Amino acid sequence: MDGLLIDSEPYWQEAGSEALQQHGVTLSTEQYHLTTGLRTPEWIDYWFSNYTIDKIHATDAITWIEQAAQDKIAAQGVAMAGVEYIMEFFKANDFKIGLASSSPMRLIQMVVDKLQIRHYLDTITSAEKLAFGKPHPQVFLNCAGALSTAPTSCIVFEDSFNGMIAAKAARMKCVVIPVPQQYDEPRWGAADVKLPSLQHFNREVLDAL
């Protein structure tokens, strides 16, 4: 969802950066992208450990980031290119559609309504309360289960490295759509297909998968 359906990553980055700055830490853009796709608790644990910040502050930081990100996305988030196109494409081809995200369910529900895509979705799953988030595949496996579909019959669309690894660990096909500044990085080679945007997916790509 984040960075694929809605342009929310800049607001997650703002919220995360503001939280870490309260502890005297400033991340570079490259550092931030290293942990894109992680749930907020794991994101905080990673950077608190990296900078030896006392984890007594972790719970407050997690709550602060998630609320700040939700407020920013609600006010300023816009759909990524091709959202309506890709939903219509798969509905027209008789696919079931599930949304699987690391974000809290309350944020997912807000975004679904903001983008007006609820009528396309057959199920929604969140990694919020799972034992493990991405790159663990459980959120994708749960989504496939809710769709009554074998993992090997699923196509996952992702924009993050951790999400791509989760999709492949679930034995699903993965279409990755990286942000432009990361598009040429070799790490996306694990995906089955790499595209510049959702709008570039078509019947030819589907048949190849």
C-alpha atoms as a PDB file:
ATOM      1  CA  MET A   1       0.000   0.000   0.000  1.00  0.00           C
ATOM      2  CA  ASP A   2       2.525   2.612   1.166  1.00  0.00           C
ATOM      3  CA  GLY A   3       4.565   3.806  -1.785  1.00  0.00           C
ATOM      4  CA  LEU A   4       2.647   1.616  -4.234  1.00  0.00           C
ATOM      5  CA  LEU A   5      -1.003   2.703  -4.026  1.00  0.00           C
ATOM      6  CA  ILE A   6      -0.539   5.972  -2.146  1.00  0.00           C
ATOM      7  CA  ASP A   7       2.424   8.337  -2.111  1.00  0.00           C
ATOM      8  CA  SER A   8       2.825   8.004   1.642  1.00  0.00           C
ATOM      9  CA  GLU A   9       6.505   7.142   2.037  1.00  0.00           C
ATOM     10  CA  PRO A  10       7.591  10.805   2.265  1.00  0.00           C
ATOM     11  CA  TYR A  11       5.228  11.230   5.229  1.00  0.00           C
ATOM     12  CA  TRP A  12       6.422   8.042   6.948  1.00  0.00           C
ATOM     13  CA  GLN A  13       9.960   9.338   6.406  1.00  0.00           C
ATOM     14  CA  GLU A  14       9.062  12.733   7.867  1.00  0.00           C
ATOM     15  CA  ALA A  15       7.394  11.150  10.894  1.00  0.00           C
ATOM     16  CA  GLY A  16      10.250   8.717  11.491  1.00  0.00           C
ATOM     17  CA  SER A  17      12.895  11.379  11.042  1.00  0.00           C
ATOM     18  CA  GLU A  18      11.113  13.728  13.424  1.00  0.00           C
ATOM     19  CA  ALA A  19      10.910  10.953  16.042  1.00  0.00           C
ATOM     20  CA  LEU A  20      14.618  10.145  15.788  1.00  0.00           C
ATOM     21  CA  GLN A  21      15.595  13.804  15.826  1.00  0.00           C
ATOM     22  CA  GLN A  22      14.032  13.988  19.286  1.00  0.00           C
ATOM     23  CA  HIS A  23      16.901  11.679  20.286  1.00  0.00           C
ATOM     24  CA  GLY A  24      19.596  13.561  18.390  1.00  0.00           C
ATOM     25  CA  VAL A  25      19.680  11.253  15.349  1.00  0.00           C
ATOM     26  CA  THR A  26      19.347  12.363  11.723  1.00  0.00           C
ATOM     27  CA  LEU A  27      19.053   9.696   9.019  1.00  0.00           C
ATOM     28  CA  SER A  28      20.237  10.103   5.451  1.00  0.00           C
ATOM     29  CA  THR A  29      17.793   9.224   2.668  1.00  0.00           C
ATOM     30  CA  GLU A  30      19.874   6.120   1.922  1.00  0.00           C
ATOM     31  CA  GLN A  31      19.659   4.989   5.544  1.00  0.00           C
ATOM     32  CA  TYR A  32      15.908   5.486   5.587  1.00  0.00           C
ATOM     33  CA  HIS A  33      15.357   3.433   2.437  1.00  0.00           C
ATOM     34  CA  LEU A  34      17.324   0.557   3.993  1.00  0.00           C
ATOM     35  CA  THR A  35      14.427  -0.084   6.364  1.00  0.00           C
ATOM     36  CA  THR A  36      11.471   0.787   4.102  1.00  0.00           C
ATOM     37  CA  GLY A  37       8.742  -1.837   4.415  1.00  0.00           C
ATOM     38  CA  LEU A  38       9.379  -2.687   8.064  1.00  0.00           C
ATOM     39  CA  ARG A  39       6.645  -2.244  10.635  1.00  0.00           C
ATOM     40  CA  THR A  40       7.130   0.753  12.910  1.00  0.00           C
ATOM     41  CA  PRO A  41       8.131  -1.337  15.985  1.00  0.00           C
ATOM     42  CA  GLU A  42      10.834  -3.100  13.975  1.00  0.00           C
ATOM     43  CA  TRP A  43      11.885   0.176  12.358  1.00  0.00           C
ATOM     44  CA  ILE A  44      12.293   1.795  15.757  1.00  0.00           C
ATOM     45  CA  ASP A  45      14.074  -1.250  17.197  1.00  0.00           C
ATOM     46  CA  TYR A  46      16.544  -1.235  14.287  1.00  0.00           C
ATOM     47  CA  TRP A  47      17.470   2.435  14.561  1.00  0.00           C
ATOM     48  CA  PHE A  48      17.374   2.579  18.359  1.00  0.00           C
ATOM     49  CA  SER A  49      19.774  -0.381  18.397  1.00  0.00           C
ATOM     50  CA  ASN A  50      21.946   1.182  15.683  1.00  0.00           C
ATOM     51  CA  TYR A  51      22.312   4.431  17.613  1.00  0.00           C
ATOM     52  CA  THR A  52      22.129   2.921  21.147  1.00  0.00           C
ATOM     53  CA  ILE A  53      19.036   4.908  22.095  1.00  0.00           C
ATOM     54  CA  ASP A  54      17.444   3.711  25.340  1.00  0.00           C
ATOM     55  CA  LYS A  55      14.522   1.474  24.338  1.00  0.00           C
ATOM     56  CA  ILE A  56      12.500   2.706  27.275  1.00  0.00           C
ATOM     57  CA  HIS A  57      11.442   5.414  24.789  1.00  0.00           C
ATOM     58  CA  ALA A  58      10.471   2.944  22.040  1.00  0.00           C
ATOM     59  CA  THR A  59       6.757   2.600  22.796  1.00  0.00           C
ATOM     60  CA  ASP A  60       6.218   6.367  22.831  1.00  0.00           C
ATOM     61  CA  ALA A  61       8.204   6.737  19.603  1.00  0.00           C
ATOM     62  CA  ILE A  62       6.146   4.055  17.846  1.00  0.00           C
ATOM     63  CA  THR A  63       2.861   5.656  18.887  1.00  0.00           C
ATOM     64  CA  TRP A  64       4.096   9.091  17.862  1.00  0.00           C
ATOM     65  CA  ILE A  65       5.301   7.954  14.418  1.00  0.00           C
ATOM     66  CA  GLU A  66       2.140   6.039  13.539  1.00  0.00           C
ATOM     67  CA  GLN A  67      -0.165   8.893  14.541  1.00  0.00           C
ATOM     68  CA  ALA A  68       1.974  11.547  12.852  1.00  0.00           C
ATOM     69  CA  ALA A  69       2.214   9.506   9.649  1.00  0.00           C
ATOM     70  CA  GLN A  70      -1.532   8.881   9.590  1.00  0.00           C
ATOM     71  CA  ASP A  71      -2.274  12.581  10.088  1.00  0.00           C
ATOM     72  CA  LYS A  72       0.144  13.594   7.323  1.00  0.00           C
ATOM     73  CA  ILE A  73      -1.145  10.956   4.879  1.00  0.00           C
ATOM     74  CA  ALA A  74      -4.777  11.833   5.569  1.00  0.00           C
ATOM     75  CA  ALA A  75      -4.070  15.497   4.882  1.00  0.00           C
ATOM     76  CA  GLN A  76      -1.599  15.276   1.992  1.00  0.00           C
ATOM     77  CA  GLY A  77      -1.346  11.738   0.569  1.00  0.00           C
ATOM     78  CA  VAL A  78      -2.268  11.267  -3.091  1.00  0.00           C
ATOM     79  CA  ALA A  79      -2.767   8.160  -5.207  1.00  0.00           C
ATOM     80  CA  MET A  80       0.195   6.762  -7.110  1.00  0.00           C
ATOM     81  CA  ALA A  81      -0.037   6.640 -10.883  1.00  0.00           C
ATOM     82  CA  GLY A  82      -2.148   3.772 -12.168  1.00  0.00           C
ATOM     83  CA  VAL A  83      -4.108   2.762  -9.054  1.00  0.00           C
ATOM     84  CA  GLU A  84      -7.528   2.769 -10.696  1.00  0.00           C
ATOM     85  CA  TYR A  85      -6.029   1.280 -13.862  1.00  0.00           C
ATOM     86  CA  ILE A  86      -4.493  -1.734 -12.100  1.00  0.00           C
ATOM     87  CA  MET A  87      -7.630  -2.407 -10.048  1.00  0.00           C
ATOM     88  CA  GLU A  88      -9.806  -2.306 -13.168  1.00  0.00           C
ATOM     89  CA  PHE A  89      -7.308  -4.491 -15.056  1.00  0.00           C
ATOM     90  CA  PHE A  90      -7.446  -7.318 -12.537  1.00  0.00           C
ATOM     91  CA  LYS A  91     -11.189  -7.100 -12.019  1.00  0.00           C
ATOM     92  CA  ALA A  92     -11.670  -7.292 -15.791  1.00  0.00           C
ATOM     93  CA  ASN A  93      -9.478 -10.402 -15.846  1.00  0.00           C
ATOM     94  CA  ASP A  94     -11.493 -12.083 -13.050  1.00  0.00           C
ATOM     95  CA  PHE A  95      -8.777 -11.925 -10.397  1.00  0.00           C
ATOM     96  CA  LYS A  96      -9.467 -11.704  -6.694  1.00  0.00           C
ATOM     97  CA  ILE A  97      -7.731  -8.691  -5.170  1.00  0.00           C
ATOM     98  CA  GLY A  98      -6.283  -8.489  -1.662  1.00  0.00           C
ATOM     99  CA  LEU A  99      -4.464  -5.669   0.084  1.00  0.00           C
ATOM    100  CA  ALA A 100      -1.647  -6.786   2.401  1.00  0.00           C
ATOM    101  CA  SER A 101       0.278  -4.118   4.290  1.00  0.00           C
ATOM    102  CA  SER A 102       2.698  -3.655   7.179  1.00  0.00           C
ATOM    103  CA  SER A 103       0.739  -0.580   8.241  1.00  0.00           C
ATOM    104  CA  PRO A 104      -1.737  -0.560  11.150  1.00  0.00           C
ATOM    105  CA  MET A 105      -5.260  -1.538  10.114  1.00  0.00           C
ATOM    106  CA  ARG A 106      -6.677   1.862  11.052  1.00  0.00           C
ATOM    107  CA  LEU A 107      -4.310   3.510   8.551  1.00  0.00           C
ATOM    108  CA  ILE A 108      -5.100   0.931   5.862  1.00  0.00           C
ATOM    109  CA  GLN A 109      -8.823   1.556   6.266  1.00  0.00           C
ATOM    110  CA  MET A 110      -8.307   5.311   6.021  1.00  0.00           C
ATOM    111  CA  VAL A 111      -6.249   4.982   2.835  1.00  0.00           C
ATOM    112  CA  VAL A 112      -8.712   2.546   1.243  1.00  0.00           C
ATOM    113  CA  ASP A 113     -11.495   5.075   1.745  1.00  0.00           C
ATOM    114  CA  LYS A 114      -9.330   8.025   0.709  1.00  0.00           C
ATOM    115  CA  LEU A 115      -8.464   6.302  -2.583  1.00  0.00           C
ATOM    116  CA  GLN A 116     -12.053   5.005  -3.003  1.00  0.00           C
ATOM    117  CA  ILE A 117     -10.885   1.456  -3.800  1.00  0.00           C
ATOM    118  CA  ARG A 118     -12.824  -0.552  -1.218  1.00  0.00           C
ATOM    119  CA  HIS A 119     -15.217  -1.973  -3.826  1.00  0.00           C
ATOM    120  CA  TYR A 120     -12.279  -3.565  -5.661  1.00  0.00           C
ATOM    121  CA  LEU A 121     -10.924  -5.436  -2.638  1.00  0.00           C
ATOM    122  CA  ASP A 122     -11.904  -8.955  -1.644  1.00  0.00           C
ATOM    123  CA  THR A 123      -9.852  -8.877   1.557  1.00  0.00           C
ATOM    124  CA  ILE A 124      -7.503  -6.670   3.580  1.00  0.00           C
ATOM    125  CA  THR A 125      -4.722  -7.985   5.835  1.00  0.00           C
ATOM    126  CA  SER A 126      -2.300  -6.161   8.116  1.00  0.00           C
ATOM    127  CA  ALA A 127       0.967  -7.319   9.649  1.00  0.00           C
ATOM    128  CA  GLU A 128       0.321  -5.026  12.630  1.00  0.00           C
ATOM    129  CA  LYS A 129      -0.451  -7.795  15.140  1.00  0.00           C
ATOM    130  CA  LEU A 130       1.552 -10.651  13.588  1.00  0.00           C
ATOM    131  CA  ALA A 131       4.562 -12.146  15.337  1.00  0.00           C
ATOM    132  CA  PHE A 132       6.731 -11.103  12.391  1.00  0.00           C
ATOM    133  CA  GLY A 133       6.385  -8.447   9.705  1.00  0.00           C
ATOM    134  CA  LYS A 134       8.046  -8.157   6.310  1.00  0.00           C
ATOM    135  CA  PRO A 135      10.473  -9.539   5.164  1.00  0.00           C
ATOM    136  CA  HIS A 136       8.656 -12.460   6.819  1.00  0.00           C
ATOM    137  CA  PRO A 137       5.967 -13.702   4.390  1.00  0.00           C
ATOM    138  CA  GLN A 138       3.116 -14.185   6.888  1.00  0.00           C
ATOM    139  CA  VAL A 139       1.059 -11.141   5.883  1.00  0.00           C
ATOM    140  CA  PHE A 140       1.053 -12.335   2.259  1.00  0.00           C
ATOM    141  CA  LEU A 141       0.256 -15.905   3.241  1.00  0.00           C
ATOM    142  CA  ASN A 142      -2.631 -14.662   5.384  1.00  0.00           C
ATOM    143  CA  CYS A 143      -3.931 -12.628   2.469  1.00  0.00           C
ATOM    144  CA  ALA A 144      -3.775 -15.628   0.132  1.00  0.00           C
ATOM    145  CA  GLY A 145      -5.586 -17.715   2.730  1.00  0.00           C
ATOM    146  CA  ALA A 146      -8.343 -15.135   3.047  1.00  0.00           C
ATOM    147  CA  LEU A 147      -8.708 -15.239  -0.740  1.00  0.00           C
ATOM    148  CA  SER A 148      -8.793 -19.068  -0.696  1.00  0.00           C
ATOM    149  CA  THR A 149      -5.936 -18.974  -3.186  1.00  0.00           C
ATOM    150  CA  ALA A 150      -2.686 -20.968  -3.247  1.00  0.00           C
ATOM    151  CA  PRO A 151       0.403 -18.783  -2.699  1.00  0.00           C
ATOM    152  CA  THR A 152       1.885 -20.058  -5.958  1.00  0.00           C
ATOM    153  CA  SER A 153      -1.148 -18.619  -7.789  1.00  0.00           C
ATOM    154  CA  CYS A 154      -0.636 -15.108  -6.404  1.00  0.00           C
ATOM    155  CA  ILE A 155       1.023 -12.023  -7.858  1.00  0.00           C
ATOM    156  CA  VAL A 156       2.349  -9.480  -5.373  1.00  0.00           C
ATOM    157  CA  PHE A 157       3.003  -5.847  -6.277  1.00  0.00           C
ATOM    158  CA  GLU A 158       5.675  -4.225  -4.107  1.00  0.00           C
ATOM    159  CA  ASP A 159       7.794  -1.103  -3.974  1.00  0.00           C
ATOM    160  CA  SER A 160      10.151  -2.067  -1.128  1.00  0.00           C
ATOM    161  CA  PHE A 161      13.036  -4.511  -0.871  1.00  0.00           C
ATOM    162  CA  ASN A 162      11.681  -6.042   2.341  1.00  0.00           C
ATOM    163  CA  GLY A 163       8.299  -6.525   0.688  1.00  0.00           C
ATOM    164  CA  MET A 164       9.878  -8.178  -2.341  1.00  0.00           C
ATOM    165  CA  ILE A 165      11.753 -10.628  -0.118  1.00  0.00           C
ATOM    166  CA  ALA A 166       8.523 -11.412   1.759  1.00  0.00           C
ATOM    167  CA  ALA A 167       6.694 -12.091  -1.514  1.00  0.00           C
ATOM    168  CA  LYS A 168       9.375 -14.455  -2.786  1.00  0.00           C
ATOM    169  CA  ALA A 169       9.558 -16.213   0.602  1.00  0.00           C
ATOM    170  CA  ALA A 170       5.807 -16.819   0.221  1.00  0.00           C
ATOM    171  CA  ARG A 171       6.507 -18.447  -3.179  1.00  0.00           C
ATOM    172  CA  MET A 172       4.507 -15.796  -4.976  1.00  0.00           C
ATOM    173  CA  LYS A 173       5.281 -13.959  -8.194  1.00  0.00           C
ATOM    174  CA  CYS A 174       6.516 -10.436  -7.476  1.00  0.00           C
ATOM    175  CA  VAL A 175       6.199  -7.306  -9.581  1.00  0.00           C
ATOM    176  CA  VAL A 176       8.397  -4.618  -8.083  1.00  0.00           C
ATOM    177  CA  ILE A 177       7.944  -0.900  -8.733  1.00  0.00           C
ATOM    178  CA  PRO A 178      10.883   0.889  -7.079  1.00  0.00           C
ATOM    179  CA  VAL A 179      11.076   4.621  -6.536  1.00  0.00           C
ATOM    180  CA  PRO A 180      12.836   6.248  -9.519  1.00  0.00           C
ATOM    181  CA  GLN A 181      16.084   6.999  -7.694  1.00  0.00           C
ATOM    182  CA  GLN A 182      16.450   3.290  -6.790  1.00  0.00           C
ATOM    183  CA  TYR A 183      15.165   1.818 -10.044  1.00  0.00           C
ATOM    184  CA  ASP A 184      18.544   0.698 -11.424  1.00  0.00           C
ATOM    185  CA  GLU A 185      19.816  -0.934  -8.237  1.00  0.00           C
ATOM    186  CA  PRO A 186      20.783  -4.605  -8.796  1.00  0.00           C
ATOM    187  CA  ARG A 187      18.963  -5.833  -5.673  1.00  0.00           C
ATOM    188  CA  TRP A 188      15.623  -5.833  -7.557  1.00  0.00           C
ATOM    189  CA  GLY A 189      16.869  -8.819  -9.559  1.00  0.00           C
ATOM    190  CA  ALA A 190      15.041 -11.151  -7.167  1.00  0.00           C
ATOM    191  CA  ALA A 191      11.689  -9.903  -8.489  1.00  0.00           C
ATOM    192  CA  ASP A 192       9.964 -11.594 -11.421  1.00  0.00           C
ATOM    193  CA  VAL A 193       9.229  -8.271 -13.113  1.00  0.00           C
ATOM    194  CA  LYS A 194      10.403  -4.685 -12.542  1.00  0.00           C
ATOM    195  CA  LEU A 195       8.288  -1.805 -13.855  1.00  0.00           C
ATOM    196  CA  PRO A 196       8.396   2.002 -13.619  1.00  0.00           C
ATOM    197  CA  SER A 197       4.733   2.241 -12.523  1.00  0.00           C
ATOM    198  CA  LEU A 198       1.478   0.333 -12.194  1.00  0.00           C
ATOM    199  CA  GLN A 199       0.465   1.763 -15.559  1.00  0.00           C
ATOM    200  CA  HIS A 200       3.167  -0.301 -17.277  1.00  0.00           C
ATOM    201  CA  PHE A 201       1.561  -3.603 -16.279  1.00  0.00           C
ATOM    202  CA  ASN A 202      -0.463  -5.137 -19.119  1.00  0.00           C
ATOM    203  CA  ARG A 203      -1.720  -8.396 -20.592  1.00  0.00           C
ATOM    204  CA  GLU A 204       1.678  -9.199 -22.086  1.00  0.00           C
ATOM    205  CA  VAL A 205       3.358  -8.921 -18.682  1.00  0.00           C
ATOM    206  CA  LEU A 206       0.598 -10.982 -17.081  1.00  0.00           C
ATOM    207  CA  ASP A 207       0.946 -13.738 -19.691  1.00  0.00           C
ATOM    208  CA  ALA A 208       4.711 -13.814 -19.137  1.00  0.00           C
ATOM    209  CA  LEU A 209       4.164 -14.333 -15.408  1.00  0.00           C
END
